[in-house]
Amino acid sequence: MLAVLLFCTINWYQTKQSLVSFYRETPAGTPLAHVEESARQHGFRFINYSSADHKAFVTAGGVMGRYVCVVEHDGKRVVKTSLSFND
């Protein structure tokens, strides 16, 4: 049981660190298609169902949706990114 808990904790921490790195490495001006491709290559989920307010969301199962990279865009390029902690 302890091994499972330890594995989950390590996986959560590593996934969180990867998501933080992704957020920091996504500057304004990056093409949105590149962000989506990069997110999928990292094993993250890219959700862009909010086209009205031009926001996309990048998260991973390993952080259970608690950490989300919010990507504000103009429809083609990134305008701003932020990291949201949902608790």
Protein backbone atom coordinates (compact mmCIF):
# COMPACT_ATOMS: atom_id res chain seq x y z
CA MET A 1 0.00 0.00 0.00
CA LEU A 2 2.81 2.38 0.89
CA ALA A 3 4.48 1.69 -2.47
CA VAL A 4 1.29 2.66 -4.33
CA LEU A 5 0.98 5.89 -2.35
CA LEU A 6 4.62 6.71 -2.97
CA PHE A 7 4.25 6.00 -6.70
CA CYS A 8 1.16 8.23 -6.95
CA THR A 9 2.88 11.05 -5.09
CA ILE A 10 5.99 10.88 -7.27
CA ASN A 11 3.88 10.71 -10.44
CA TRP A 12 1.80 13.71 -9.33
CA TYR A 13 4.93 15.75 -8.57
CA GLN A 14 6.64 14.90 -11.87
CA THR A 15 3.50 15.67 -13.87
CA LYS A 16 3.07 18.97 -12.04
CA GLN A 17 6.69 19.92 -12.81
CA SER A 18 6.20 19.02 -16.49
CA LEU A 19 3.06 21.15 -16.68
CA VAL A 20 4.83 24.10 -15.02
CA SER A 21 7.68 23.76 -17.55
CA PHE A 22 5.17 23.65 -20.40
CA TYR A 23 3.54 26.84 -19.08
CA ARG A 24 6.89 28.64 -18.82
CA GLU A 25 7.99 27.51 -22.29
CA THR A 26 4.85 28.80 -24.04
CA PRO A 27 5.48 32.49 -24.74
CA ALA A 28 3.09 35.00 -26.26
CA GLY A 29 3.17 34.84 -30.05
CA THR A 30 3.43 31.05 -30.24
CA PRO A 31 1.08 29.63 -32.90
CA LEU A 32 -1.90 27.93 -31.25
CA ALA A 33 -1.48 24.85 -33.46
CA HIS A 34 2.08 24.47 -32.15
CA VAL A 35 0.85 24.71 -28.55
CA GLU A 36 -1.73 21.99 -29.19
CA GLU A 37 0.82 19.71 -30.85
CA SER A 38 3.37 20.28 -28.09
CA ALA A 39 0.77 19.58 -25.39
CA ARG A 40 -0.17 16.29 -27.00
CA GLN A 41 3.51 15.31 -27.41
CA HIS A 42 3.97 15.86 -23.66
CA GLY A 43 0.96 13.62 -22.99
CA PHE A 44 -1.24 16.52 -21.83
CA ARG A 45 -4.85 17.17 -22.69
CA PHE A 46 -5.48 20.27 -24.84
CA ILE A 47 -9.03 21.57 -24.54
CA ASN A 48 -10.11 24.47 -26.77
CA TYR A 49 -13.88 24.41 -26.46
CA SER A 50 -14.09 28.00 -25.31
CA SER A 51 -13.65 29.81 -28.63
CA ALA A 52 -15.95 32.67 -27.62
CA ASP A 53 -13.57 33.97 -24.96
CA HIS A 54 -10.45 32.63 -26.73
CA LYS A 55 -9.14 30.38 -23.98
CA ALA A 56 -7.68 26.91 -24.22
CA PHE A 57 -6.78 24.68 -21.31
CA VAL A 58 -3.86 22.27 -20.94
CA THR A 59 -3.85 19.72 -18.12
CA ALA A 60 -2.87 16.14 -17.37
CA GLY A 61 -4.44 13.20 -15.61
CA GLY A 62 -1.47 12.91 -13.27
CA VAL A 63 -2.41 16.17 -11.52
CA MET A 64 -6.11 15.25 -11.49
CA GLY A 65 -7.11 18.57 -13.08
CA ARG A 66 -5.83 20.56 -10.11
CA TYR A 67 -3.19 22.36 -12.18
CA VAL A 68 -4.27 23.86 -15.48
CA CYS A 69 -2.29 25.94 -17.94
CA VAL A 70 -4.74 28.55 -19.26
CA VAL A 71 -3.80 29.69 -22.76
CA GLU A 72 -5.41 32.95 -23.85
CA HIS A 73 -5.26 33.38 -27.62
CA ASP A 74 -6.59 35.43 -30.52
CA GLY A 75 -7.66 32.39 -32.50
CA LYS A 76 -4.25 31.88 -34.09
CA ARG A 77 -1.54 32.84 -31.60
CA VAL A 78 -0.98 32.82 -27.86
CA VAL A 79 -1.64 36.16 -26.18
CA LYS A 80 -0.92 35.11 -22.60
CA THR A 81 -0.57 31.99 -20.45
CA SER A 82 -1.24 31.48 -16.78
CA LEU A 83 -1.08 28.56 -14.39
CA SER A 84 -4.22 27.94 -12.40
CA PHE A 85 -4.44 25.83 -9.25
CA ASN A 86 -7.96 24.50 -8.77
CA ASP A 87 -8.58 23.26 -5.30
